[in-house]
Amino acid sequence: MNTDSDLHPPATEAKVRQLEEQLGMELPPSYRQFLLFANGWGNADDCRLLRVEEIGWLRDVAPSVAESWSAPKPENSWSVPDELYFVYGHEQVSGNMRGEYVSDTLLAGYWDDGVVLLNPHVKTPEGEWEAWYLAPWLAGASRYTCFWDLIAYELRIGA
């Protein structure tokens, strides 16, 4: 896969700042850098990272997706305890996500039959937001400490 050919021209600093103003908060550094390098990636509806003009809170951009994933299910204890939630990598269980965060996530793209989300509820000291790949076949989300880790894994960069 040649990922470079599907990159869109960079977003301007003014456009990124305007998005941050609309959202009411600064974007995580790795995602912000990506947008300033490439204002989105891909052209297929089912596999692309959104352009600045398309990005928004999941509850606003795709309310049905937000609603279906954030509704508590009877078998859920609702909020997953920290010792289960803050596990990343191969030991992570996709069902150990916090459904209460879903509607507040930022929709950053579509990947196959899932969505790429950024979660402002979980931030690193450097300001990175937790990144999710949420898909029905996962029964939850694959979660990463930041946008760059998600993209590196999904594109198998360095593998």
N, C-alpha and C. Protein backbone atom coordinates (compact mmCIF):
# COMPACT_ATOMS: atom_id res chain seq x y z
N MET A 1 0.85 -1.17 0.00
CA MET A 1 0.00 0.00 0.00
C MET A 1 0.90 1.24 0.00
N ASN A 2 0.66 2.12 -0.93
CA ASN A 2 1.41 3.37 -0.97
C ASN A 2 0.61 4.45 -0.27
N THR A 3 0.91 4.66 1.00
CA THR A 3 0.14 5.61 1.80
C THR A 3 0.42 7.06 1.42
N ASP A 4 1.62 7.34 0.89
CA ASP A 4 1.96 8.73 0.54
C ASP A 4 1.07 9.30 -0.54
N SER A 5 0.68 8.49 -1.52
CA SER A 5 -0.10 8.99 -2.64
C SER A 5 -1.52 9.37 -2.25
N ASP A 6 -1.98 8.88 -1.12
CA ASP A 6 -3.34 9.18 -0.68
C ASP A 6 -3.42 10.33 0.31
N LEU A 7 -2.29 10.96 0.60
CA LEU A 7 -2.28 12.09 1.52
C LEU A 7 -2.81 13.35 0.84
N HIS A 8 -3.63 14.09 1.53
CA HIS A 8 -4.14 15.36 1.00
C HIS A 8 -3.16 16.47 1.33
N PRO A 9 -3.20 17.59 0.62
CA PRO A 9 -2.31 18.73 0.95
C PRO A 9 -2.53 19.18 2.39
N PRO A 10 -1.52 19.73 3.02
CA PRO A 10 -1.62 20.13 4.43
C PRO A 10 -2.74 21.12 4.71
N ALA A 11 -3.27 21.02 5.93
CA ALA A 11 -4.21 22.03 6.42
C ALA A 11 -3.38 23.25 6.84
N THR A 12 -3.97 24.40 6.79
CA THR A 12 -3.26 25.60 7.24
C THR A 12 -3.37 25.70 8.76
N GLU A 13 -2.45 26.40 9.35
CA GLU A 13 -2.48 26.65 10.80
C GLU A 13 -3.80 27.33 11.18
N ALA A 14 -4.25 28.25 10.34
CA ALA A 14 -5.51 28.97 10.61
C ALA A 14 -6.69 28.00 10.64
N LYS A 15 -6.74 27.04 9.73
CA LYS A 15 -7.83 26.06 9.69
C LYS A 15 -7.81 25.16 10.92
N VAL A 16 -6.61 24.76 11.33
CA VAL A 16 -6.49 23.90 12.51
C VAL A 16 -6.91 24.68 13.75
N ARG A 17 -6.48 25.93 13.86
CA ARG A 17 -6.89 26.77 15.00
C ARG A 17 -8.41 26.97 15.01
N GLN A 18 -8.99 27.16 13.83
CA GLN A 18 -10.44 27.33 13.73
C GLN A 18 -11.16 26.06 14.23
N LEU A 19 -10.65 24.89 13.86
CA LEU A 19 -11.23 23.63 14.35
C LEU A 19 -11.12 23.56 15.86
N GLU A 20 -9.97 23.91 16.41
CA GLU A 20 -9.79 23.87 17.85
C GLU A 20 -10.76 24.82 18.56
N GLU A 21 -11.00 25.98 17.96
CA GLU A 21 -11.97 26.92 18.53
C GLU A 21 -13.37 26.33 18.51
N GLN A 22 -13.73 25.67 17.41
CA GLN A 22 -15.05 25.03 17.31
C GLN A 22 -15.20 23.94 18.36
N LEU A 23 -14.13 23.19 18.59
CA LEU A 23 -14.18 22.08 19.54
C LEU A 23 -14.10 22.57 20.99
N GLY A 24 -13.53 23.75 21.18
CA GLY A 24 -13.37 24.29 22.52
C GLY A 24 -12.16 23.74 23.25
N MET A 25 -11.22 23.16 22.51
CA MET A 25 -9.98 22.64 23.12
C MET A 25 -8.93 22.40 22.05
N GLU A 26 -7.67 22.34 22.50
CA GLU A 26 -6.57 22.07 21.59
C GLU A 26 -6.55 20.61 21.19
N LEU A 27 -6.18 20.35 19.96
CA LEU A 27 -6.03 18.98 19.48
C LEU A 27 -4.78 18.35 20.10
N PRO A 28 -4.75 17.02 20.18
CA PRO A 28 -3.52 16.38 20.67
C PRO A 28 -2.38 16.63 19.69
N PRO A 29 -1.14 16.78 20.20
CA PRO A 29 0.00 17.15 19.36
C PRO A 29 0.22 16.26 18.13
N SER A 30 0.16 14.94 18.26
CA SER A 30 0.44 14.07 17.11
C SER A 30 -0.63 14.23 16.03
N TYR A 31 -1.87 14.41 16.42
CA TYR A 31 -2.95 14.58 15.44
C TYR A 31 -2.85 15.95 14.78
N ARG A 32 -2.55 16.95 15.57
CA ARG A 32 -2.38 18.31 15.04
C ARG A 32 -1.25 18.33 14.01
N GLN A 33 -0.13 17.69 14.33
CA GLN A 33 1.00 17.62 13.41
C GLN A 33 0.62 16.90 12.12
N PHE A 34 -0.17 15.83 12.26
CA PHE A 34 -0.62 15.12 11.07
C PHE A 34 -1.43 16.05 10.16
N LEU A 35 -2.38 16.79 10.73
CA LEU A 35 -3.22 17.67 9.92
C LEU A 35 -2.41 18.77 9.23
N LEU A 36 -1.36 19.24 9.90
CA LEU A 36 -0.51 20.27 9.30
C LEU A 36 0.42 19.67 8.24
N PHE A 37 0.60 18.36 8.27
CA PHE A 37 1.38 17.65 7.26
C PHE A 37 0.49 17.19 6.11
N ALA A 38 -0.71 16.69 6.47
CA ALA A 38 -1.67 16.19 5.48
C ALA A 38 -3.08 16.39 6.03
N ASN A 39 -3.86 17.13 5.31
CA ASN A 39 -5.24 17.38 5.72
C ASN A 39 -6.10 16.19 5.31
N GLY A 40 -5.85 15.07 5.95
CA GLY A 40 -6.59 13.86 5.67
C GLY A 40 -5.80 12.88 4.81
N TRP A 41 -6.34 11.68 4.75
CA TRP A 41 -5.70 10.60 4.00
C TRP A 41 -6.78 9.70 3.42
N GLY A 42 -6.60 9.32 2.17
CA GLY A 42 -7.52 8.38 1.54
C GLY A 42 -8.74 9.05 0.94
N ASN A 43 -9.35 8.33 0.03
CA ASN A 43 -10.54 8.84 -0.64
C ASN A 43 -11.73 7.90 -0.54
N ALA A 44 -11.49 6.66 -0.16
CA ALA A 44 -12.58 5.70 -0.05
C ALA A 44 -13.40 6.03 1.19
N ASP A 45 -14.72 5.86 1.08
CA ASP A 45 -15.58 6.17 2.21
C ASP A 45 -15.29 5.30 3.42
N ASP A 46 -14.83 4.07 3.19
CA ASP A 46 -14.66 3.14 4.30
C ASP A 46 -13.24 3.07 4.86
N CYS A 47 -12.31 3.81 4.29
CA CYS A 47 -10.94 3.78 4.78
C CYS A 47 -10.27 5.12 4.51
N ARG A 48 -10.46 6.05 5.46
CA ARG A 48 -9.87 7.37 5.26
C ARG A 48 -9.78 8.10 6.59
N LEU A 49 -8.84 9.02 6.66
CA LEU A 49 -8.75 9.94 7.79
C LEU A 49 -9.35 11.25 7.31
N LEU A 50 -10.19 11.83 8.12
CA LEU A 50 -10.98 12.99 7.72
C LEU A 50 -10.15 14.26 7.56
N ARG A 51 -10.66 15.13 6.71
CA ARG A 51 -10.06 16.46 6.53
C ARG A 51 -10.59 17.37 7.63
N VAL A 52 -9.90 18.46 7.89
CA VAL A 52 -10.27 19.39 8.96
C VAL A 52 -11.74 19.77 8.88
N GLU A 53 -12.23 19.97 7.68
CA GLU A 53 -13.61 20.41 7.49
C GLU A 53 -14.63 19.35 7.89
N GLU A 54 -14.22 18.09 8.00
CA GLU A 54 -15.14 16.99 8.30
C GLU A 54 -15.08 16.52 9.75
N ILE A 55 -14.05 16.91 10.46
CA ILE A 55 -13.80 16.43 11.82
C ILE A 55 -14.80 17.04 12.79
N GLY A 56 -15.24 16.23 13.74
CA GLY A 56 -16.15 16.75 14.76
C GLY A 56 -16.38 15.72 15.85
N TRP A 57 -17.11 16.14 16.88
CA TRP A 57 -17.46 15.23 17.97
C TRP A 57 -18.36 14.14 17.42
N LEU A 58 -18.13 12.92 17.81
CA LEU A 58 -18.91 11.79 17.31
C LEU A 58 -20.40 12.01 17.53
N ARG A 59 -20.79 12.56 18.66
CA ARG A 59 -22.22 12.79 18.96
C ARG A 59 -22.88 13.73 17.95
N ASP A 60 -22.08 14.62 17.32
CA ASP A 60 -22.61 15.58 16.35
C ASP A 60 -22.51 15.06 14.92
N VAL A 61 -21.39 14.42 14.59
CA VAL A 61 -21.12 13.99 13.22
C VAL A 61 -21.80 12.66 12.89
N ALA A 62 -21.82 11.75 13.85
CA ALA A 62 -22.42 10.43 13.64
C ALA A 62 -23.21 10.03 14.90
N PRO A 63 -24.32 10.72 15.16
CA PRO A 63 -25.06 10.48 16.40
C PRO A 63 -25.53 9.04 16.58
N SER A 64 -25.88 8.36 15.51
CA SER A 64 -26.35 6.98 15.65
C SER A 64 -25.22 6.06 16.12
N VAL A 65 -24.01 6.30 15.64
CA VAL A 65 -22.85 5.51 16.09
C VAL A 65 -22.58 5.80 17.56
N ALA A 66 -22.58 7.07 17.92
CA ALA A 66 -22.34 7.46 19.31
C ALA A 66 -23.37 6.81 20.23
N GLU A 67 -24.62 6.87 19.83
CA GLU A 67 -25.70 6.34 20.66
C GLU A 67 -25.60 4.82 20.81
N SER A 68 -25.31 4.12 19.72
CA SER A 68 -25.27 2.66 19.79
C SER A 68 -24.12 2.15 20.66
N TRP A 69 -23.01 2.88 20.69
CA TRP A 69 -21.86 2.43 21.47
C TRP A 69 -21.84 2.99 22.89
N SER A 70 -22.58 4.03 23.16
CA SER A 70 -22.52 4.62 24.49
C SER A 70 -23.67 4.18 25.39
N ALA A 71 -24.67 3.52 24.82
CA ALA A 71 -25.78 3.05 25.65
C ALA A 71 -25.29 1.92 26.55
N PRO A 72 -25.54 2.02 27.86
CA PRO A 72 -25.10 0.94 28.75
C PRO A 72 -25.81 -0.37 28.42
N LYS A 73 -25.07 -1.44 28.49
CA LYS A 73 -25.64 -2.76 28.24
C LYS A 73 -25.75 -3.47 29.59
N PRO A 74 -26.75 -4.30 29.76
CA PRO A 74 -26.99 -4.93 31.07
C PRO A 74 -25.77 -5.67 31.63
N GLU A 75 -24.99 -6.31 30.78
CA GLU A 75 -23.85 -7.08 31.27
C GLU A 75 -22.66 -6.20 31.65
N ASN A 76 -22.68 -4.94 31.25
CA ASN A 76 -21.58 -4.04 31.59
C ASN A 76 -21.68 -3.59 33.04
N SER A 77 -20.53 -3.48 33.67
CA SER A 77 -20.51 -2.87 35.00
C SER A 77 -20.43 -1.36 34.80
N TRP A 78 -20.64 -0.92 33.63
CA TRP A 78 -20.59 0.43 33.06
C TRP A 78 -19.18 0.97 33.02
N SER A 79 -18.65 1.48 34.07
CA SER A 79 -17.31 2.01 33.98
C SER A 79 -16.30 0.93 34.35
N VAL A 80 -15.40 0.67 33.43
CA VAL A 80 -14.36 -0.35 33.62
C VAL A 80 -13.33 0.19 34.61
N PRO A 81 -12.93 -0.62 35.60
CA PRO A 81 -11.93 -0.14 36.56
C PRO A 81 -10.59 0.15 35.88
N ASP A 82 -9.84 1.07 36.45
CA ASP A 82 -8.56 1.50 35.88
C ASP A 82 -7.62 0.34 35.58
N GLU A 83 -7.54 -0.65 36.47
CA GLU A 83 -6.60 -1.76 36.26
C GLU A 83 -6.92 -2.59 35.02
N LEU A 84 -8.15 -2.54 34.55
CA LEU A 84 -8.52 -3.21 33.30
C LEU A 84 -8.50 -2.24 32.12
N TYR A 85 -8.87 -1.00 32.39
CA TYR A 85 -8.96 -0.02 31.31
C TYR A 85 -7.59 0.40 30.79
N PHE A 86 -6.66 0.69 31.65
CA PHE A 86 -5.36 1.22 31.23
C PHE A 86 -4.36 0.12 30.87
N VAL A 87 -4.83 -0.80 30.05
CA VAL A 87 -3.98 -1.86 29.51
C VAL A 87 -3.95 -1.65 28.00
N TYR A 88 -2.75 -1.50 27.47
CA TYR A 88 -2.59 -1.29 26.03
C TYR A 88 -1.75 -2.43 25.46
N GLY A 89 -1.79 -2.58 24.15
CA GLY A 89 -0.99 -3.62 23.51
C GLY A 89 -1.72 -4.95 23.47
N HIS A 90 -0.95 -6.01 23.36
CA HIS A 90 -1.52 -7.35 23.15
C HIS A 90 -2.34 -7.86 24.33
N GLU A 91 -2.10 -7.34 25.52
CA GLU A 91 -2.84 -7.79 26.70
C GLU A 91 -4.21 -7.11 26.83
N GLN A 92 -4.46 -6.11 26.02
CA GLN A 92 -5.71 -5.35 26.10
C GLN A 92 -6.89 -6.22 25.66
N VAL A 93 -8.02 -6.04 26.34
CA VAL A 93 -9.28 -6.68 25.95
C VAL A 93 -10.17 -5.58 25.39
N SER A 94 -10.60 -5.73 24.13
CA SER A 94 -11.34 -4.64 23.48
C SER A 94 -12.64 -4.30 24.19
N GLY A 95 -13.24 -5.24 24.87
CA GLY A 95 -14.47 -4.97 25.60
C GLY A 95 -14.26 -4.12 26.85
N ASN A 96 -13.02 -3.96 27.27
CA ASN A 96 -12.71 -3.15 28.45
C ASN A 96 -12.55 -1.68 28.08
N MET A 97 -13.57 -1.16 27.43
CA MET A 97 -13.60 0.25 27.08
C MET A 97 -14.65 0.94 27.96
N ARG A 98 -14.60 2.22 28.00
CA ARG A 98 -15.57 2.97 28.79
C ARG A 98 -16.60 3.59 27.86
N GLY A 99 -17.76 2.97 27.81
CA GLY A 99 -18.82 3.43 26.93
C GLY A 99 -19.26 4.85 27.22
N GLU A 100 -19.08 5.28 28.45
CA GLU A 100 -19.49 6.64 28.81
C GLU A 100 -18.64 7.70 28.11
N TYR A 101 -17.48 7.31 27.55
CA TYR A 101 -16.63 8.27 26.84
C TYR A 101 -17.01 8.42 25.36
N VAL A 102 -17.73 7.47 24.81
CA VAL A 102 -17.94 7.39 23.36
C VAL A 102 -18.50 8.67 22.76
N SER A 103 -19.56 9.21 23.29
CA SER A 103 -20.18 10.37 22.64
C SER A 103 -19.28 11.61 22.68
N ASP A 104 -18.31 11.63 23.59
CA ASP A 104 -17.40 12.77 23.70
C ASP A 104 -16.13 12.61 22.87
N THR A 105 -16.03 11.54 22.10
CA THR A 105 -14.82 11.33 21.30
C THR A 105 -14.89 12.14 20.00
N LEU A 106 -13.73 12.38 19.45
CA LEU A 106 -13.60 13.12 18.20
C LEU A 106 -13.50 12.13 17.05
N LEU A 107 -14.38 12.25 16.07
CA LEU A 107 -14.33 11.37 14.91
C LEU A 107 -13.23 11.86 13.98
N ALA A 108 -12.20 11.02 13.80
CA ALA A 108 -11.05 11.38 12.97
C ALA A 108 -11.00 10.61 11.67
N GLY A 109 -11.77 9.52 11.56
CA GLY A 109 -11.73 8.77 10.32
C GLY A 109 -12.56 7.51 10.36
N TYR A 110 -12.55 6.83 9.21
CA TYR A 110 -13.24 5.55 9.04
C TYR A 110 -12.20 4.53 8.60
N TRP A 111 -12.27 3.36 9.18
CA TRP A 111 -11.30 2.32 8.85
C TRP A 111 -12.07 1.03 8.70
N ASP A 112 -12.15 0.52 7.48
CA ASP A 112 -12.94 -0.67 7.18
C ASP A 112 -14.36 -0.46 7.69
N ASP A 113 -14.81 -1.29 8.61
CA ASP A 113 -16.18 -1.14 9.13
C ASP A 113 -16.21 -0.46 10.49
N GLY A 114 -15.12 0.22 10.83
CA GLY A 114 -15.04 0.89 12.13
C GLY A 114 -14.74 2.37 11.99
N VAL A 115 -14.50 2.99 13.13
CA VAL A 115 -14.20 4.42 13.16
C VAL A 115 -12.92 4.67 13.96
N VAL A 116 -12.21 5.72 13.58
CA VAL A 116 -11.02 6.18 14.30
C VAL A 116 -11.47 7.35 15.17
N LEU A 117 -11.26 7.22 16.47
CA LEU A 117 -11.72 8.21 17.42
C LEU A 117 -10.58 8.68 18.31
N LEU A 118 -10.67 9.91 18.77
CA LEU A 118 -9.72 10.46 19.73
C LEU A 118 -10.50 10.80 21.00
N ASN A 119 -10.00 10.33 22.13
CA ASN A 119 -10.70 10.44 23.40
C ASN A 119 -10.06 11.50 24.30
N PRO A 120 -10.70 12.66 24.46
CA PRO A 120 -10.11 13.72 25.29
C PRO A 120 -10.20 13.45 26.79
N HIS A 121 -10.90 12.40 27.20
CA HIS A 121 -11.01 12.08 28.62
C HIS A 121 -9.73 11.45 29.18
N VAL A 122 -8.91 10.88 28.28
CA VAL A 122 -7.67 10.24 28.71
C VAL A 122 -6.53 10.91 27.96
N LYS A 123 -5.71 11.65 28.71
CA LYS A 123 -4.60 12.41 28.12
C LYS A 123 -3.29 12.06 28.79
N THR A 124 -2.22 12.09 28.00
CA THR A 124 -0.88 11.91 28.56
C THR A 124 -0.42 13.26 29.10
N PRO A 125 0.66 13.29 29.89
CA PRO A 125 1.19 14.57 30.36
C PRO A 125 1.60 15.49 29.21
N GLU A 126 1.91 14.91 28.04
CA GLU A 126 2.30 15.72 26.88
C GLU A 126 1.10 16.26 26.10
N GLY A 127 -0.11 15.90 26.54
CA GLY A 127 -1.32 16.40 25.88
C GLY A 127 -1.88 15.49 24.81
N GLU A 128 -1.29 14.30 24.64
CA GLU A 128 -1.85 13.35 23.68
C GLU A 128 -3.15 12.79 24.21
N TRP A 129 -4.10 12.54 23.31
CA TRP A 129 -5.37 11.93 23.69
C TRP A 129 -5.31 10.46 23.34
N GLU A 130 -5.99 9.66 24.11
CA GLU A 130 -6.12 8.24 23.79
C GLU A 130 -6.81 8.12 22.43
N ALA A 131 -6.35 7.17 21.61
CA ALA A 131 -6.93 6.95 20.28
C ALA A 131 -7.59 5.58 20.25
N TRP A 132 -8.74 5.52 19.60
CA TRP A 132 -9.51 4.27 19.53
C TRP A 132 -9.76 3.88 18.08
N TYR A 133 -9.74 2.57 17.86
CA TYR A 133 -10.33 2.00 16.65
C TYR A 133 -11.53 1.22 17.16
N LEU A 134 -12.71 1.71 16.87
CA LEU A 134 -13.96 1.13 17.37
C LEU A 134 -14.65 0.42 16.21
N ALA A 135 -14.88 -0.88 16.36
CA ALA A 135 -15.52 -1.65 15.29
C ALA A 135 -16.44 -2.72 15.87
N PRO A 136 -17.52 -3.01 15.18
CA PRO A 136 -18.47 -4.00 15.69
C PRO A 136 -17.86 -5.39 15.91
N TRP A 137 -16.96 -5.78 15.06
CA TRP A 137 -16.37 -7.12 15.18
C TRP A 137 -15.40 -7.24 16.35
N LEU A 138 -15.00 -6.11 16.93
CA LEU A 138 -14.12 -6.12 18.10
C LEU A 138 -14.90 -6.25 19.41
N ALA A 139 -16.18 -6.02 19.35
CA ALA A 139 -17.01 -5.96 20.56
C ALA A 139 -16.48 -4.89 21.52
N GLY A 140 -15.94 -3.84 20.95
CA GLY A 140 -15.38 -2.76 21.75
C GLY A 140 -14.37 -1.98 20.92
N ALA A 141 -13.33 -1.50 21.58
CA ALA A 141 -12.34 -0.67 20.90
C ALA A 141 -10.93 -1.20 21.14
N SER A 142 -10.10 -1.10 20.11
CA SER A 142 -8.66 -1.24 20.29
C SER A 142 -8.19 0.15 20.64
N ARG A 143 -7.55 0.29 21.80
CA ARG A 143 -7.17 1.60 22.28
C ARG A 143 -5.65 1.76 22.28
N TYR A 144 -5.21 2.97 22.00
CA TYR A 144 -3.79 3.30 21.91
C TYR A 144 -3.55 4.57 22.71
N THR A 145 -2.32 4.78 23.15
CA THR A 145 -2.04 5.96 23.97
C THR A 145 -2.11 7.26 23.19
N CYS A 146 -2.01 7.19 21.84
CA CYS A 146 -2.09 8.41 21.04
C CYS A 146 -2.42 8.08 19.59
N PHE A 147 -2.75 9.09 18.84
CA PHE A 147 -3.08 8.97 17.42
C PHE A 147 -1.95 8.29 16.66
N TRP A 148 -0.72 8.72 16.88
CA TRP A 148 0.40 8.15 16.14
C TRP A 148 0.53 6.65 16.38
N ASP A 149 0.35 6.18 17.61
CA ASP A 149 0.45 4.75 17.90
C ASP A 149 -0.62 3.96 17.16
N LEU A 150 -1.83 4.49 17.09
CA LEU A 150 -2.90 3.82 16.36
C LEU A 150 -2.55 3.71 14.89
N ILE A 151 -2.14 4.80 14.29
CA ILE A 151 -1.82 4.81 12.85
C ILE A 151 -0.62 3.91 12.56
N ALA A 152 0.40 3.97 13.38
CA ALA A 152 1.57 3.12 13.19
C ALA A 152 1.18 1.66 13.23
N TYR A 153 0.30 1.29 14.17
CA TYR A 153 -0.13 -0.09 14.26
C TYR A 153 -0.99 -0.49 13.06
N GLU A 154 -1.98 0.34 12.74
CA GLU A 154 -2.89 -0.01 11.65
C GLU A 154 -2.19 -0.07 10.29
N LEU A 155 -1.20 0.76 10.08
CA LEU A 155 -0.46 0.73 8.81
C LEU A 155 0.79 -0.14 8.92
N ARG A 156 1.02 -0.70 10.11
CA ARG A 156 2.17 -1.58 10.36
C ARG A 156 3.48 -0.89 10.01
N ILE A 157 3.57 0.39 10.40
CA ILE A 157 4.79 1.15 10.15
C ILE A 157 5.89 0.61 11.05
N GLY A 158 6.99 0.31 10.45
CA GLY A 158 8.13 -0.22 11.20
C GLY A 158 8.03 -1.71 11.45
N ALA A 159 6.99 -2.34 10.91
CA ALA A 159 6.83 -3.79 11.12
C ALA A 159 7.57 -4.58 10.08
